[in-house]
PDB file of all heavy atoms in Angstrom:
ATOM      1  N   VAL A   1     107.394  92.384  98.619  1.00  0.00           N
ATOM      2  CA  VAL A   1     106.517  91.527  99.458  1.00  0.00           C
ATOM      3  C   VAL A   1     105.154  91.385  98.774  1.00  0.00           C
ATOM      4  O   VAL A   1     104.688  92.377  98.167  1.00  0.00           O
ATOM      5  CB  VAL A   1     106.371  92.169 100.888  1.00  0.00           C
ATOM      6  CG1 VAL A   1     105.509  91.276 101.779  1.00  0.00           C
ATOM      7  CG2 VAL A   1     107.710  92.384 101.530  1.00  0.00           C
ATOM      8  N   LYS A   2     104.541  90.209  98.910  1.00  0.00           N
ATOM      9  CA  LYS A   2     103.225  90.000  98.321  1.00  0.00           C
ATOM     10  C   LYS A   2     102.296  89.548  99.416  1.00  0.00           C
ATOM     11  O   LYS A   2     102.576  88.611 100.135  1.00  0.00           O
ATOM     12  CB  LYS A   2     103.283  88.956  97.226  1.00  0.00           C
ATOM     13  CG  LYS A   2     101.943  88.736  96.510  1.00  0.00           C
ATOM     14  CD  LYS A   2     102.044  87.575  95.525  1.00  0.00           C
ATOM     15  CE  LYS A   2     102.526  88.072  94.196  1.00  0.00           C
ATOM     16  NZ  LYS A   2     102.421  87.003  93.146  1.00  0.00           N
ATOM     17  N   ASP A   3     101.124  90.242  99.579  1.00  0.00           N
ATOM     18  CA  ASP A   3     100.227  89.894 100.704  1.00  0.00           C
ATOM     19  C   ASP A   3      99.215  88.846 100.277  1.00  0.00           C
ATOM     20  O   ASP A   3      99.251  88.306  99.174  1.00  0.00           O
ATOM     21  CB  ASP A   3      99.539  91.163 101.250  1.00  0.00           C
ATOM     22  CG  ASP A   3      98.556  91.795 100.263  1.00  0.00           C
ATOM     23  OD1 ASP A   3      98.262  91.142  99.254  1.00  0.00           O
ATOM     24  OD2 ASP A   3      98.067  92.883 100.523  1.00  0.00           O
ATOM     25  N   ALA A   4      98.299  88.526 101.201  1.00  0.00           N
ATOM     26  CA  ALA A   4      97.363  87.409 100.965  1.00  0.00           C
ATOM     27  C   ALA A   4      96.389  87.700  99.818  1.00  0.00           C
ATOM     28  O   ALA A   4      95.800  86.807  99.217  1.00  0.00           O
ATOM     29  CB  ALA A   4      96.587  87.081 102.255  1.00  0.00           C
ATOM     30  N   LYS A   5      96.201  88.992  99.479  1.00  0.00           N
ATOM     31  CA  LYS A   5      95.290  89.326  98.350  1.00  0.00           C
ATOM     32  C   LYS A   5      96.077  89.463  97.024  1.00  0.00           C
ATOM     33  O   LYS A   5      95.618  90.084  96.084  1.00  0.00           O
ATOM     34  CB  LYS A   5      94.567  90.621  98.665  1.00  0.00           C
ATOM     35  CG  LYS A   5      93.499  90.467  99.729  1.00  0.00           C
ATOM     36  CD  LYS A   5      92.410  91.522  99.581  1.00  0.00           C
ATOM     37  CE  LYS A   5      91.207  91.159 100.414  1.00  0.00           C
ATOM     38  NZ  LYS A   5      90.120  92.116 100.289  1.00  0.00           N
ATOM     39  N   GLU A   6      97.305  88.917  97.023  1.00  0.00           N
ATOM     40  CA  GLU A   6      98.154  88.914  95.842  1.00  0.00           C
ATOM     41  C   GLU A   6      98.579  90.303  95.401  1.00  0.00           C
ATOM     42  O   GLU A   6      98.861  90.560  94.239  1.00  0.00           O
ATOM     43  CB  GLU A   6      97.465  88.173  94.649  1.00  0.00           C
ATOM     44  CG  GLU A   6      97.124  86.735  94.918  1.00  0.00           C
ATOM     45  CD  GLU A   6      98.360  85.853  95.055  1.00  0.00           C
ATOM     46  OE1 GLU A   6      99.239  85.919  94.198  1.00  0.00           O
ATOM     47  OE2 GLU A   6      98.472  85.146  96.062  1.00  0.00           O
ATOM     48  N   ARG A   7      98.576  91.243  96.355  1.00  0.00           N
ATOM     49  CA  ARG A   7      99.056  92.606  96.031  1.00  0.00           C
ATOM     50  C   ARG A   7     100.502  92.738  96.425  1.00  0.00           C
ATOM     51  O   ARG A   7     100.872  92.408  97.522  1.00  0.00           O
ATOM     52  CB  ARG A   7      98.229  93.647  96.794  1.00  0.00           C
ATOM     53  CG  ARG A   7      96.784  93.677  96.289  1.00  0.00           C
ATOM     54  CD  ARG A   7      95.964  94.634  97.150  1.00  0.00           C
ATOM     55  NE  ARG A   7      94.576  94.564  96.703  1.00  0.00           N
ATOM     56  CZ  ARG A   7      93.544  94.828  97.497  1.00  0.00           C
ATOM     57  NH1 ARG A   7      93.748  95.105  98.773  1.00  0.00           N
ATOM     58  NH2 ARG A   7      92.324  94.765  97.045  1.00  0.00           N
ATOM     59  N   SER A   8     101.308  93.215  95.458  1.00  0.00           N
ATOM     60  CA  SER A   8     102.755  93.363  95.740  1.00  0.00           C
ATOM     61  C   SER A   8     103.099  94.772  96.121  1.00  0.00           C
ATOM     62  O   SER A   8     102.483  95.751  95.620  1.00  0.00           O
ATOM     63  CB  SER A   8     103.546  92.940  94.504  1.00  0.00           C
ATOM     64  OG  SER A   8     103.397  91.559  94.283  1.00  0.00           O
ATOM     65  N   PHE A   9     104.058  94.931  96.974  1.00  0.00           N
ATOM     66  CA  PHE A   9     104.596  96.263  97.315  1.00  0.00           C
ATOM     67  C   PHE A   9     106.037  96.093  97.709  1.00  0.00           C
ATOM     68  O   PHE A   9     106.545  94.971  97.949  1.00  0.00           O
ATOM     69  CB  PHE A   9     103.796  96.888  98.452  1.00  0.00           C
ATOM     70  CG  PHE A   9     103.696  96.056  99.695  1.00  0.00           C
ATOM     71  CD1 PHE A   9     104.553  96.195 100.740  1.00  0.00           C
ATOM     72  CD2 PHE A   9     102.687  95.071  99.803  1.00  0.00           C
ATOM     73  CE1 PHE A   9     104.468  95.403 101.883  1.00  0.00           C
ATOM     74  CE2 PHE A   9     102.590  94.304 100.950  1.00  0.00           C
ATOM     75  CZ  PHE A   9     103.472  94.482 101.973  1.00  0.00           C
ATOM     76  N   ALA A  10     106.764  97.189  97.671  1.00  0.00           N
ATOM     77  CA  ALA A  10     108.215  97.170  97.965  1.00  0.00           C
ATOM     78  C   ALA A  10     108.530  98.139  99.074  1.00  0.00           C
ATOM     79  O   ALA A  10     107.868  99.182  99.216  1.00  0.00           O
ATOM     80  CB  ALA A  10     109.000  97.495  96.720  1.00  0.00           C
ATOM     81  N   THR A  11     109.538  97.794  99.874  1.00  0.00           N
ATOM     82  CA  THR A  11     109.961  98.694 100.974  1.00  0.00           C
ATOM     83  C   THR A  11     111.437  98.446 101.265  1.00  0.00           C
ATOM     84  O   THR A  11     112.017  97.500 100.735  1.00  0.00           O
ATOM     85  CB  THR A  11     109.087  98.484 102.223  1.00  0.00           C
ATOM     86  OG1 THR A  11     109.426  99.461 103.192  1.00  0.00           O
ATOM     87  CG2 THR A  11     109.299  97.128 102.795  1.00  0.00           C
ATOM     88  N   ARG A  12     112.002  99.312 102.106  1.00  0.00           N
ATOM     89  CA  ARG A  12     113.398  99.117 102.472  1.00  0.00           C
ATOM     90  C   ARG A  12     113.563  97.896 103.348  1.00  0.00           C
ATOM     91  O   ARG A  12     112.670  97.588 104.144  1.00  0.00           O
ATOM     92  CB  ARG A  12     113.906 100.332 103.239  1.00  0.00           C
ATOM     93  CG  ARG A  12     114.156 101.559 102.362  1.00  0.00           C
ATOM     94  CD  ARG A  12     114.720 102.649 103.188  1.00  0.00           C
ATOM     95  NE  ARG A  12     114.897 103.861 102.398  1.00  0.00           N
ATOM     96  CZ  ARG A  12     115.353 105.022 102.914  1.00  0.00           C
ATOM     97  NH1 ARG A  12     115.625 105.099 104.207  1.00  0.00           N
ATOM     98  NH2 ARG A  12     115.484 106.049 102.148  1.00  0.00           N
ATOM     99  N   GLN A  13     114.732  97.271 103.241  1.00  0.00           N
ATOM    100  CA  GLN A  13     114.970  96.092 104.036  1.00  0.00           C
ATOM    101  C   GLN A  13     114.895  96.341 105.514  1.00  0.00           C
ATOM    102  O   GLN A  13     114.448  95.493 106.290  1.00  0.00           O
ATOM    103  CB  GLN A  13     116.377  95.570 103.705  1.00  0.00           C
ATOM    104  CG  GLN A  13     116.740  94.284 104.416  1.00  0.00           C
ATOM    105  CD  GLN A  13     118.075  93.745 103.970  1.00  0.00           C
ATOM    106  OE1 GLN A  13     118.266  93.454 102.801  1.00  0.00           O
ATOM    107  NE2 GLN A  13     119.034  93.623 104.893  1.00  0.00           N
ATOM    108  N   SER A  14     115.259  97.555 105.961  1.00  0.00           N
ATOM    109  CA  SER A  14     115.235  97.847 107.404  1.00  0.00           C
ATOM    110  C   SER A  14     113.814  97.866 107.946  1.00  0.00           C
ATOM    111  O   SER A  14     113.614  97.742 109.160  1.00  0.00           O
ATOM    112  CB  SER A  14     115.904  99.201 107.674  1.00  0.00           C
ATOM    113  OG  SER A  14     115.244 100.216 106.893  1.00  0.00           O
ATOM    114  N   ASN A  15     112.794  98.000 107.072  1.00  0.00           N
ATOM    115  CA  ASN A  15     111.397  98.038 107.533  1.00  0.00           C
ATOM    116  C   ASN A  15     110.777  96.634 107.593  1.00  0.00           C
ATOM    117  O   ASN A  15     109.627  96.510 107.970  1.00  0.00           O
ATOM    118  CB  ASN A  15     110.566  98.894 106.620  1.00  0.00           C
ATOM    119  CG  ASN A  15     110.952 100.361 106.656  1.00  0.00           C
ATOM    120  OD1 ASN A  15     111.501 100.800 107.625  1.00  0.00           O
ATOM    121  ND2 ASN A  15     110.700 101.092 105.579  1.00  0.00           N
ATOM    122  N   VAL A  16     111.492  95.629 107.145  1.00  0.00           N
ATOM    123  CA  VAL A  16     110.917  94.289 107.025  1.00  0.00           C
ATOM    124  C   VAL A  16     111.313  93.440 108.203  1.00  0.00           C
ATOM    125  O   VAL A  16     112.474  93.317 108.510  1.00  0.00           O
ATOM    126  CB  VAL A  16     111.367  93.623 105.699  1.00  0.00           C
ATOM    127  CG1 VAL A  16     110.740  92.247 105.588  1.00  0.00           C
ATOM    128  CG2 VAL A  16     110.943  94.482 104.508  1.00  0.00           C
ATOM    129  N   PHE A  17     110.307  92.876 108.863  1.00  0.00           N
ATOM    130  CA  PHE A  17     110.525  92.057 110.074  1.00  0.00           C
ATOM    131  C   PHE A  17     109.914  90.701 109.845  1.00  0.00           C
ATOM    132  O   PHE A  17     108.699  90.540 109.737  1.00  0.00           O
ATOM    133  CB  PHE A  17     109.829  92.768 111.252  1.00  0.00           C
ATOM    134  CG  PHE A  17     110.194  92.243 112.613  1.00  0.00           C
ATOM    135  CD1 PHE A  17     110.824  93.034 113.548  1.00  0.00           C
ATOM    136  CD2 PHE A  17     109.928  90.908 112.987  1.00  0.00           C
ATOM    137  CE1 PHE A  17     111.161  92.600 114.815  1.00  0.00           C
ATOM    138  CE2 PHE A  17     110.229  90.438 114.255  1.00  0.00           C
ATOM    139  CZ  PHE A  17     110.879  91.284 115.166  1.00  0.00           C
ATOM    140  N   VAL A  18     110.758  89.656 109.713  1.00  0.00           N
ATOM    141  CA  VAL A  18     110.251  88.310 109.439  1.00  0.00           C
ATOM    142  C   VAL A  18     109.519  87.801 110.693  1.00  0.00           C
ATOM    143  O   VAL A  18     110.077  87.856 111.805  1.00  0.00           O
ATOM    144  CB  VAL A  18     111.412  87.375 109.093  1.00  0.00           C
ATOM    145  CG1 VAL A  18     110.914  85.950 108.862  1.00  0.00           C
ATOM    146  CG2 VAL A  18     112.151  87.862 107.856  1.00  0.00           C
ATOM    147  N   ILE A  19     108.292  87.333 110.512  1.00  0.00           N
ATOM    148  CA  ILE A  19     107.521  86.853 111.690  1.00  0.00           C
ATOM    149  C   ILE A  19     107.133  85.376 111.597  1.00  0.00           C
ATOM    150  O   ILE A  19     106.402  84.851 112.414  1.00  0.00           O
ATOM    151  CB  ILE A  19     106.258  87.684 111.932  1.00  0.00           C
ATOM    152  CG1 ILE A  19     105.374  87.694 110.686  1.00  0.00           C
ATOM    153  CG2 ILE A  19     106.621  89.064 112.376  1.00  0.00           C
ATOM    154  CD1 ILE A  19     103.989  88.251 110.954  1.00  0.00           C
ATOM    155  N   GLY A  20     107.601  84.706 110.527  1.00  0.00           N
ATOM    156  CA  GLY A  20     107.294  83.279 110.428  1.00  0.00           C
ATOM    157  C   GLY A  20     107.813  82.660 109.097  1.00  0.00           C
ATOM    158  O   GLY A  20     108.354  83.338 108.267  1.00  0.00           O
ATOM    159  N   THR A  21     107.614  81.364 109.016  1.00  0.00           N
ATOM    160  CA  THR A  21     108.070  80.628 107.823  1.00  0.00           C
ATOM    161  C   THR A  21     106.903  80.536 106.839  1.00  0.00           C
ATOM    162  O   THR A  21     105.831  81.077 107.077  1.00  0.00           O
ATOM    163  CB  THR A  21     108.525  79.235 108.208  1.00  0.00           C
ATOM    164  OG1 THR A  21     107.402  78.555 108.832  1.00  0.00           O
ATOM    165  CG2 THR A  21     109.653  79.269 109.222  1.00  0.00           C
ATOM    166  N   SER A  22     107.147  79.791 105.769  1.00  0.00           N
ATOM    167  CA  SER A  22     106.073  79.641 104.778  1.00  0.00           C
ATOM    168  C   SER A  22     104.906  78.833 105.367  1.00  0.00           C
ATOM    169  O   SER A  22     103.788  78.846 104.817  1.00  0.00           O
ATOM    170  CB  SER A  22     106.615  78.922 103.531  1.00  0.00           C
ATOM    171  OG  SER A  22     107.289  77.737 103.941  1.00  0.00           O
ATOM    172  N   GLN A  23     105.141  78.122 106.498  1.00  0.00           N
ATOM    173  CA  GLN A  23     104.071  77.374 107.131  1.00  0.00           C
ATOM    174  C   GLN A  23     103.042  78.296 107.797  1.00  0.00           C
ATOM    175  O   GLN A  23     101.885  77.936 107.996  1.00  0.00           O
ATOM    176  CB  GLN A  23     104.612  76.458 108.226  1.00  0.00           C
ATOM    177  CG  GLN A  23     105.867  75.662 107.817  1.00  0.00           C
ATOM    178  CD  GLN A  23     105.597  74.700 106.726  1.00  0.00           C
ATOM    179  OE1 GLN A  23     104.801  73.828 106.866  1.00  0.00           O
ATOM    180  NE2 GLN A  23     106.271  74.822 105.599  1.00  0.00           N
ATOM    181  N   GLY A  24     103.469  79.500 108.191  1.00  0.00           N
ATOM    182  CA  GLY A  24     102.563  80.452 108.863  1.00  0.00           C
ATOM    183  C   GLY A  24     103.321  81.299 109.848  1.00  0.00           C
ATOM    184  O   GLY A  24     104.488  81.024 110.193  1.00  0.00           O
ATOM    185  N   PRO A  25     102.674  82.392 110.325  1.00  0.00           N
ATOM    186  CA  PRO A  25     103.379  83.274 111.281  1.00  0.00           C
ATOM    187  C   PRO A  25     103.488  82.630 112.655  1.00  0.00           C
ATOM    188  O   PRO A  25     102.670  81.804 113.036  1.00  0.00           O
ATOM    189  CB  PRO A  25     102.432  84.483 111.339  1.00  0.00           C
ATOM    190  CG  PRO A  25     101.109  84.021 110.858  1.00  0.00           C
ATOM    191  CD  PRO A  25     101.333  82.875 109.957  1.00  0.00           C
ATOM    192  N   TRP A  26     104.579  83.002 113.378  1.00  0.00           N
ATOM    193  CA  TRP A  26     104.811  82.454 114.722  1.00  0.00           C
ATOM    194  C   TRP A  26     104.035  83.184 115.791  1.00  0.00           C
ATOM    195  O   TRP A  26     103.867  82.707 116.872  1.00  0.00           O
ATOM    196  CB  TRP A  26     106.294  82.520 115.049  1.00  0.00           C
ATOM    197  CG  TRP A  26     107.108  81.453 114.301  1.00  0.00           C
ATOM    198  CD1 TRP A  26     106.614  80.529 113.470  1.00  0.00           C
ATOM    199  CD2 TRP A  26     108.530  81.262 114.378  1.00  0.00           C
ATOM    200  NE1 TRP A  26     107.622  79.743 112.971  1.00  0.00           N
ATOM    201  CE2 TRP A  26     108.820  80.170 113.514  1.00  0.00           C
ATOM    202  CE3 TRP A  26     109.563  81.892 115.018  1.00  0.00           C
ATOM    203  CZ2 TRP A  26     110.106  79.714 113.341  1.00  0.00           C
ATOM    204  CZ3 TRP A  26     110.844  81.410 114.867  1.00  0.00           C
ATOM    205  CH2 TRP A  26     111.113  80.327 114.016  1.00  0.00           C
ATOM    206  N   VAL A  27     103.603  84.408 115.473  1.00  0.00           N
ATOM    207  CA  VAL A  27     102.755  85.145 116.442  1.00  0.00           C
ATOM    208  C   VAL A  27     101.387  85.369 115.818  1.00  0.00           C
ATOM    209  O   VAL A  27     101.248  85.428 114.596  1.00  0.00           O
ATOM    210  CB  VAL A  27     103.386  86.527 116.791  1.00  0.00           C
ATOM    211  CG1 VAL A  27     104.676  86.374 117.553  1.00  0.00           C
ATOM    212  CG2 VAL A  27     103.637  87.369 115.538  1.00  0.00           C
ATOM    213  N   SER A  28     100.350  85.466 116.650  1.00  0.00           N
ATOM    214  CA  SER A  28      99.013  85.683 116.120  1.00  0.00           C
ATOM    215  C   SER A  28      98.940  87.123 115.640  1.00  0.00           C
ATOM    216  O   SER A  28      99.581  88.024 116.176  1.00  0.00           O
ATOM    217  CB  SER A  28      97.965  85.425 117.212  1.00  0.00           C
ATOM    218  OG  SER A  28      98.205  86.236 118.314  1.00  0.00           O
ATOM    219  N   LEU A  29      98.101  87.332 114.602  1.00  0.00           N
ATOM    220  CA  LEU A  29      97.991  88.657 113.996  1.00  0.00           C
ATOM    221  C   LEU A  29      96.688  89.326 114.441  1.00  0.00           C
ATOM    222  O   LEU A  29      95.745  88.631 114.775  1.00  0.00           O
ATOM    223  CB  LEU A  29      97.990  88.541 112.485  1.00  0.00           C
ATOM    224  CG  LEU A  29      99.292  87.931 111.867  1.00  0.00           C
ATOM    225  CD1 LEU A  29      99.128  87.715 110.376  1.00  0.00           C
ATOM    226  CD2 LEU A  29     100.478  88.840 112.143  1.00  0.00           C
ATOM    227  N   PRO A  30      96.634  90.664 114.427  1.00  0.00           N
ATOM    228  CA  PRO A  30      95.378  91.325 114.790  1.00  0.00           C
ATOM    229  C   PRO A  30      94.294  91.070 113.758  1.00  0.00           C
ATOM    230  O   PRO A  30      94.559  90.430 112.742  1.00  0.00           O
ATOM    231  CB  PRO A  30      95.766  92.837 114.818  1.00  0.00           C
ATOM    232  CG  PRO A  30      96.998  92.929 114.005  1.00  0.00           C
ATOM    233  CD  PRO A  30      97.708  91.616 114.166  1.00  0.00           C
ATOM    234  N   LYS A  31      93.092  91.593 114.024  1.00  0.00           N
ATOM    235  CA  LYS A  31      91.948  91.101 113.237  1.00  0.00           C
ATOM    236  C   LYS A  31      92.000  91.420 111.762  1.00  0.00           C
ATOM    237  O   LYS A  31      91.390  90.712 110.955  1.00  0.00           O
ATOM    238  CB  LYS A  31      90.631  91.595 113.845  1.00  0.00           C
ATOM    239  CG  LYS A  31      90.415  93.107 113.816  1.00  0.00           C
ATOM    240  CD  LYS A  31      88.982  93.427 114.288  1.00  0.00           C
ATOM    241  CE  LYS A  31      88.654  94.903 114.209  1.00  0.00           C
ATOM    242  NZ  LYS A  31      89.330  95.715 115.225  1.00  0.00           N
ATOM    243  N   ASP A  32      92.718  92.485 111.325  1.00  0.00           N
ATOM    244  CA  ASP A  32      92.778  92.775 109.885  1.00  0.00           C
ATOM    245  C   ASP A  32      93.805  91.863 109.180  1.00  0.00           C
ATOM    246  O   ASP A  32      93.948  91.913 107.994  1.00  0.00           O
ATOM    247  CB  ASP A  32      93.087  94.249 109.649  1.00  0.00           C
ATOM    248  CG  ASP A  32      94.312  94.707 110.384  1.00  0.00           C
ATOM    249  OD1 ASP A  32      95.149  93.876 110.706  1.00  0.00           O
ATOM    250  OD2 ASP A  32      94.421  95.940 110.649  1.00  0.00           O
ATOM    251  N   LYS A  33      94.561  91.042 109.955  1.00  0.00           N
ATOM    252  CA  LYS A  33      95.498  90.074 109.424  1.00  0.00           C
ATOM    253  C   LYS A  33      96.571  90.712 108.510  1.00  0.00           C
ATOM    254  O   LYS A  33      97.154  90.069 107.679  1.00  0.00           O
ATOM    255  CB  LYS A  33      94.789  88.976 108.622  1.00  0.00           C
ATOM    256  CG  LYS A  33      93.836  88.135 109.465  1.00  0.00           C
ATOM    257  CD  LYS A  33      94.590  87.164 110.347  1.00  0.00           C
ATOM    258  CE  LYS A  33      93.669  86.297 111.155  1.00  0.00           C
ATOM    259  NZ  LYS A  33      93.773  86.491 112.605  1.00  0.00           N
ATOM    260  N   GLY A  34      96.800  92.026 108.707  1.00  0.00           N
ATOM    261  CA  GLY A  34      97.869  92.674 107.955  1.00  0.00           C
ATOM    262  C   GLY A  34      97.535  92.867 106.482  1.00  0.00           C
ATOM    263  O   GLY A  34      98.456  93.057 105.679  1.00  0.00           O
ATOM    264  N   ILE A  35      96.234  92.880 106.140  1.00  0.00           N
ATOM    265  CA  ILE A  35      95.839  93.087 104.747  1.00  0.00           C
ATOM    266  C   ILE A  35      95.259  94.494 104.601  1.00  0.00           C
ATOM    267  O   ILE A  35      94.243  94.812 105.266  1.00  0.00           O
ATOM    268  CB  ILE A  35      94.801  92.041 104.287  1.00  0.00           C
ATOM    269  CG1 ILE A  35      95.434  90.663 104.314  1.00  0.00           C
ATOM    270  CG2 ILE A  35      94.279  92.332 102.898  1.00  0.00           C
ATOM    271  CD1 ILE A  35      94.435  89.536 104.181  1.00  0.00           C
ATOM    272  N   LYS A  36      95.942  95.317 103.801  1.00  0.00           N
ATOM    273  CA  LYS A  36      95.453  96.710 103.669  1.00  0.00           C
ATOM    274  C   LYS A  36      94.417  96.781 102.578  1.00  0.00           C
ATOM    275  O   LYS A  36      94.639  96.321 101.455  1.00  0.00           O
ATOM    276  CB  LYS A  36      96.670  97.590 103.308  1.00  0.00           C
ATOM    277  CG  LYS A  36      96.379  99.058 103.367  1.00  0.00           C
ATOM    278  CD  LYS A  36      97.655  99.880 103.231  1.00  0.00           C
ATOM    279  CE  LYS A  36      97.432 101.294 103.609  1.00  0.00           C
ATOM    280  NZ  LYS A  36      98.676 102.084 103.626  1.00  0.00           N
ATOM    281  N   LEU A  37      93.275  97.358 102.925  1.00  0.00           N
ATOM    282  CA  LEU A  37      92.186  97.530 101.945  1.00  0.00           C
ATOM    283  C   LEU A  37      92.345  98.860 101.271  1.00  0.00           C
ATOM    284  O   LEU A  37      92.861  99.805 101.844  1.00  0.00           O
ATOM    285  CB  LEU A  37      90.852  97.447 102.670  1.00  0.00           C
ATOM    286  CG  LEU A  37      90.536  96.190 103.436  1.00  0.00           C
ATOM    287  CD1 LEU A  37      89.220  96.314 104.203  1.00  0.00           C
ATOM    288  CD2 LEU A  37      90.502  94.984 102.551  1.00  0.00           C
ATOM    289  N   THR A  38      91.843  98.945 100.026  1.00  0.00           N
ATOM    290  CA  THR A  38      91.803 100.244  99.355  1.00  0.00           C
ATOM    291  C   THR A  38      90.680 101.078  99.986  1.00  0.00           C
ATOM    292  O   THR A  38      89.853 100.530 100.726  1.00  0.00           O
ATOM    293  CB  THR A  38      91.530 100.091  97.858  1.00  0.00           C
ATOM    294  OG1 THR A  38      90.272  99.441  97.713  1.00  0.00           O
ATOM    295  CG2 THR A  38      92.603  99.232  97.218  1.00  0.00           C
ATOM    296  N   ILE A  39      90.679 102.363  99.695  1.00  0.00           N
ATOM    297  CA  ILE A  39      89.668 103.238 100.295  1.00  0.00           C
ATOM    298  C   ILE A  39      88.249 102.758  99.891  1.00  0.00           C
ATOM    299  O   ILE A  39      87.327 102.770 100.700  1.00  0.00           O
ATOM    300  CB  ILE A  39      89.886 104.700  99.817  1.00  0.00           C
ATOM    301  CG1 ILE A  39      91.268 105.159 100.255  1.00  0.00           C
ATOM    302  CG2 ILE A  39      88.836 105.638 100.379  1.00  0.00           C
ATOM    303  CD1 ILE A  39      91.687 106.493  99.754  1.00  0.00           C
ATOM    304  N   ALA A  40      88.128 102.310  98.619  1.00  0.00           N
ATOM    305  CA  ALA A  40      86.802 101.867  98.134  1.00  0.00           C
ATOM    306  C   ALA A  40      86.395 100.602  98.906  1.00  0.00           C
ATOM    307  O   ALA A  40      85.216 100.466  99.265  1.00  0.00           O
ATOM    308  CB  ALA A  40      86.860 101.565  96.643  1.00  0.00           C
ATOM    309  N   GLU A  41      87.320  99.708  99.146  1.00  0.00           N
ATOM    310  CA  GLU A  41      87.007  98.441  99.882  1.00  0.00           C
ATOM    311  C   GLU A  41      86.629  98.760 101.330  1.00  0.00           C
ATOM    312  O   GLU A  41      85.701  98.142 101.886  1.00  0.00           O
ATOM    313  CB  GLU A  41      88.192  97.489  99.849  1.00  0.00           C
ATOM    314  CG  GLU A  41      88.399  96.817  98.493  1.00  0.00           C
ATOM    315  CD  GLU A  41      89.704  96.039  98.414  1.00  0.00           C
ATOM    316  OE1 GLU A  41      90.634  96.349  99.167  1.00  0.00           O
ATOM    317  OE2 GLU A  41      89.736  95.107  97.634  1.00  0.00           O
ATOM    318  N   GLU A  42      87.316  99.726 101.919  1.00  0.00           N
ATOM    319  CA  GLU A  42      86.969 100.146 103.285  1.00  0.00           C
ATOM    320  C   GLU A  42      85.562 100.687 103.325  1.00  0.00           C
ATOM    321  O   GLU A  42      84.775 100.386 104.251  1.00  0.00           O
ATOM    322  CB  GLU A  42      87.934 101.191 103.804  1.00  0.00           C
ATOM    323  CG  GLU A  42      89.250 100.610 104.290  1.00  0.00           C
ATOM    324  CD  GLU A  42      90.148 101.664 104.895  1.00  0.00           C
ATOM    325  OE1 GLU A  42      89.728 102.834 105.041  1.00  0.00           O
ATOM    326  OE2 GLU A  42      91.320 101.350 105.185  1.00  0.00           O
ATOM    327  N   ARG A  43      85.220 101.503 102.316  1.00  0.00           N
ATOM    328  CA  ARG A  43      83.857 102.097 102.281  1.00  0.00           C
ATOM    329  C   ARG A  43      82.836 100.993 102.143  1.00  0.00           C
ATOM    330  O   ARG A  43      81.785 101.013 102.837  1.00  0.00           O
ATOM    331  CB  ARG A  43      83.792 103.074 101.075  1.00  0.00           C
ATOM    332  CG  ARG A  43      82.443 103.730 100.865  1.00  0.00           C
ATOM    333  CD  ARG A  43      82.305 104.172  99.430  1.00  0.00           C
ATOM    334  NE  ARG A  43      82.418 103.041  98.487  1.00  0.00           N
ATOM    335  CZ  ARG A  43      82.702 103.171  97.198  1.00  0.00           C
ATOM    336  NH1 ARG A  43      82.933 104.372  96.690  1.00  0.00           N
ATOM    337  NH2 ARG A  43      82.735 102.102  96.429  1.00  0.00           N
TER     338      ARG A  43
END
């Protein structure tokens, strides 16, 4: 999977839940929009 900051990561298929098409998610996302920051960025 590749997130909005172009960071790629891999996980098991059982952990992946499709929430929308390439047009956008079908449900609204919380304020962090599912983008994980590094510790330095959080600081």
